[in-house]
Amino acid sequence: MAKGGDVRVTITLECTSCTLDSADKKSVGIYRYTTCKNRRNTPIRLELKKFCPYCYKHTLHGEIKR
């Protein structure tokens, strides 16, 4: 058994362009994905290009705190 807790954790990815536009009230909503990452191999925050249906294009999605 592993010591010190789970190595793989579930994280939430949020669209960065929707987050920026929400301050201007131009965006309809904020789209989020959930995924897993290995805490030992990737200690920094994860950023992936994913499709956002609100922006209707592929944008950068960054890891947020839950």
N, C-alpha and C. Protein backbone atom coordinates (compact mmCIF):
# COMPACT_ATOMS: atom_id res chain seq x y z
N MET A 1 0.83 -1.18 0.00
CA MET A 1 0.00 0.00 0.00
C MET A 1 0.87 1.25 0.00
N ALA A 2 0.35 2.30 -0.59
CA ALA A 2 1.08 3.55 -0.67
C ALA A 2 1.00 4.30 0.66
N LYS A 3 2.09 4.94 0.99
CA LYS A 3 2.13 5.74 2.21
C LYS A 3 1.92 7.21 1.87
N GLY A 4 1.31 7.95 2.76
CA GLY A 4 1.19 9.39 2.58
C GLY A 4 0.06 9.85 1.70
N GLY A 5 -0.95 9.03 1.48
CA GLY A 5 -2.10 9.49 0.71
C GLY A 5 -2.08 9.03 -0.73
N ASP A 6 -3.07 9.47 -1.47
CA ASP A 6 -3.21 9.07 -2.87
C ASP A 6 -2.21 9.81 -3.74
N VAL A 7 -1.65 9.09 -4.70
CA VAL A 7 -0.72 9.71 -5.64
C VAL A 7 -1.50 10.36 -6.77
N ARG A 8 -2.55 9.67 -7.25
CA ARG A 8 -3.38 10.23 -8.32
C ARG A 8 -4.54 10.99 -7.70
N VAL A 9 -4.69 12.24 -8.11
CA VAL A 9 -5.76 13.09 -7.58
C VAL A 9 -6.64 13.57 -8.72
N THR A 10 -7.92 13.82 -8.41
CA THR A 10 -8.85 14.36 -9.38
C THR A 10 -8.76 15.88 -9.35
N ILE A 11 -8.60 16.48 -10.54
CA ILE A 11 -8.47 17.93 -10.64
C ILE A 11 -9.57 18.48 -11.54
N THR A 12 -9.80 19.78 -11.47
CA THR A 12 -10.78 20.46 -12.30
C THR A 12 -10.07 21.45 -13.20
N LEU A 13 -10.37 21.40 -14.50
CA LEU A 13 -9.81 22.33 -15.47
C LEU A 13 -10.89 23.31 -15.89
N GLU A 14 -10.57 24.61 -15.86
CA GLU A 14 -11.53 25.65 -16.19
C GLU A 14 -11.03 26.47 -17.37
N CYS A 15 -11.94 26.86 -18.24
CA CYS A 15 -11.60 27.66 -19.42
C CYS A 15 -11.07 29.03 -18.98
N THR A 16 -9.89 29.39 -19.45
CA THR A 16 -9.28 30.65 -19.05
C THR A 16 -9.88 31.83 -19.80
N SER A 17 -10.30 31.65 -21.05
CA SER A 17 -10.87 32.78 -21.78
C SER A 17 -12.27 33.11 -21.30
N CYS A 18 -13.06 32.13 -20.87
CA CYS A 18 -14.38 32.41 -20.29
C CYS A 18 -14.24 33.10 -18.95
N THR A 19 -13.22 32.73 -18.19
CA THR A 19 -12.98 33.35 -16.89
C THR A 19 -12.63 34.82 -17.06
N LEU A 20 -11.86 35.15 -18.08
CA LEU A 20 -11.49 36.54 -18.33
C LEU A 20 -12.69 37.35 -18.80
N ASP A 21 -13.54 36.77 -19.65
CA ASP A 21 -14.69 37.47 -20.20
C ASP A 21 -15.82 37.63 -19.19
N SER A 22 -15.85 36.79 -18.15
CA SER A 22 -16.95 36.86 -17.20
C SER A 22 -16.93 38.16 -16.40
N ALA A 23 -15.76 38.81 -16.29
CA ALA A 23 -15.69 40.11 -15.62
C ALA A 23 -16.41 41.18 -16.44
N ASP A 24 -16.42 41.02 -17.77
CA ASP A 24 -17.10 41.97 -18.65
C ASP A 24 -18.56 41.60 -18.90
N LYS A 25 -19.00 40.46 -18.36
CA LYS A 25 -20.37 39.95 -18.51
C LYS A 25 -20.72 39.65 -19.96
N LYS A 26 -19.70 39.32 -20.78
CA LYS A 26 -19.94 38.97 -22.17
C LYS A 26 -20.19 37.47 -22.32
N SER A 27 -19.67 36.66 -21.40
CA SER A 27 -19.73 35.22 -21.53
C SER A 27 -21.02 34.67 -20.93
N VAL A 28 -21.53 33.59 -21.54
CA VAL A 28 -22.74 32.94 -21.06
C VAL A 28 -22.44 32.13 -19.80
N GLY A 29 -21.31 31.43 -19.78
CA GLY A 29 -20.97 30.59 -18.65
C GLY A 29 -19.51 30.20 -18.67
N ILE A 30 -19.13 29.40 -17.69
CA ILE A 30 -17.76 28.90 -17.58
C ILE A 30 -17.81 27.39 -17.71
N TYR A 31 -17.01 26.84 -18.63
CA TYR A 31 -17.01 25.40 -18.86
C TYR A 31 -15.85 24.76 -18.11
N ARG A 32 -16.10 23.60 -17.50
CA ARG A 32 -15.08 22.90 -16.72
C ARG A 32 -15.00 21.44 -17.11
N TYR A 33 -13.77 20.90 -17.10
CA TYR A 33 -13.50 19.49 -17.30
C TYR A 33 -12.94 18.93 -16.00
N THR A 34 -13.12 17.64 -15.77
CA THR A 34 -12.45 16.97 -14.66
C THR A 34 -11.55 15.89 -15.23
N THR A 35 -10.38 15.71 -14.61
CA THR A 35 -9.42 14.71 -15.04
C THR A 35 -8.56 14.32 -13.84
N CYS A 36 -7.66 13.38 -14.04
CA CYS A 36 -6.76 12.93 -12.98
C CYS A 36 -5.33 13.27 -13.37
N LYS A 37 -4.50 13.47 -12.35
CA LYS A 37 -3.09 13.67 -12.61
C LYS A 37 -2.29 13.00 -11.51
N ASN A 38 -1.06 12.66 -11.82
CA ASN A 38 -0.15 12.07 -10.85
C ASN A 38 0.55 13.19 -10.10
N ARG A 39 0.36 13.24 -8.81
CA ARG A 39 0.90 14.34 -8.01
C ARG A 39 2.43 14.34 -7.97
N ARG A 40 3.04 13.17 -8.04
CA ARG A 40 4.52 13.09 -8.00
C ARG A 40 5.15 13.54 -9.31
N ASN A 41 4.57 13.13 -10.44
CA ASN A 41 5.16 13.46 -11.74
C ASN A 41 4.83 14.89 -12.19
N THR A 42 3.69 15.42 -11.77
CA THR A 42 3.26 16.75 -12.19
C THR A 42 2.90 17.58 -10.96
N PRO A 43 3.88 18.13 -10.24
CA PRO A 43 3.55 18.90 -9.04
C PRO A 43 3.00 20.30 -9.35
N ILE A 44 3.28 20.83 -10.55
CA ILE A 44 2.80 22.18 -10.89
C ILE A 44 1.38 22.08 -11.44
N ARG A 45 0.74 23.24 -11.58
CA ARG A 45 -0.63 23.26 -12.09
C ARG A 45 -0.66 22.87 -13.57
N LEU A 46 -1.64 22.06 -13.93
CA LEU A 46 -1.77 21.52 -15.27
C LEU A 46 -2.55 22.49 -16.15
N GLU A 47 -2.12 22.65 -17.41
CA GLU A 47 -2.83 23.46 -18.40
C GLU A 47 -2.91 22.68 -19.70
N LEU A 48 -4.12 22.47 -20.21
CA LEU A 48 -4.35 21.72 -21.43
C LEU A 48 -5.25 22.51 -22.36
N LYS A 49 -5.09 22.28 -23.67
CA LYS A 49 -6.00 22.88 -24.65
C LYS A 49 -7.19 21.93 -24.80
N LYS A 50 -8.38 22.45 -24.51
CA LYS A 50 -9.61 21.68 -24.61
C LYS A 50 -10.65 22.51 -25.35
N PHE A 51 -11.72 21.86 -25.79
CA PHE A 51 -12.78 22.55 -26.50
C PHE A 51 -13.76 23.15 -25.50
N CYS A 52 -14.10 24.42 -25.69
CA CYS A 52 -15.07 25.11 -24.84
C CYS A 52 -16.31 25.40 -25.69
N PRO A 53 -17.47 24.84 -25.33
CA PRO A 53 -18.67 25.09 -26.13
C PRO A 53 -19.20 26.52 -26.02
N TYR A 54 -18.85 27.25 -24.97
CA TYR A 54 -19.28 28.64 -24.84
C TYR A 54 -18.47 29.56 -25.76
N CYS A 55 -17.16 29.32 -25.84
CA CYS A 55 -16.31 30.09 -26.75
C CYS A 55 -16.40 29.54 -28.17
N TYR A 56 -16.82 28.28 -28.29
CA TYR A 56 -16.92 27.53 -29.54
C TYR A 56 -15.57 27.44 -30.26
N LYS A 57 -14.51 27.19 -29.47
CA LYS A 57 -13.18 26.96 -30.03
C LYS A 57 -12.32 26.27 -28.99
N HIS A 58 -11.15 25.82 -29.41
CA HIS A 58 -10.20 25.20 -28.48
C HIS A 58 -9.45 26.31 -27.74
N THR A 59 -9.52 26.27 -26.42
CA THR A 59 -8.87 27.28 -25.59
C THR A 59 -8.06 26.60 -24.50
N LEU A 60 -7.25 27.37 -23.83
CA LEU A 60 -6.42 26.87 -22.74
C LEU A 60 -7.28 26.72 -21.49
N HIS A 61 -7.24 25.53 -20.90
CA HIS A 61 -7.96 25.24 -19.66
C HIS A 61 -6.91 25.02 -18.57
N GLY A 62 -7.03 25.76 -17.47
CA GLY A 62 -6.07 25.66 -16.38
C GLY A 62 -6.67 25.00 -15.15
N GLU A 63 -5.81 24.42 -14.34
CA GLU A 63 -6.24 23.75 -13.12
C GLU A 63 -6.66 24.79 -12.08
N ILE A 64 -7.79 24.52 -11.39
CA ILE A 64 -8.26 25.42 -10.34
C ILE A 64 -8.34 24.66 -9.03
N LYS A 65 -8.41 25.40 -7.93
CA LYS A 65 -8.60 24.78 -6.61
C LYS A 65 -10.04 24.37 -6.45
N ARG A 66 -10.25 23.26 -5.74
CA ARG A 66 -11.61 22.80 -5.48
C ARG A 66 -11.98 23.00 -4.07
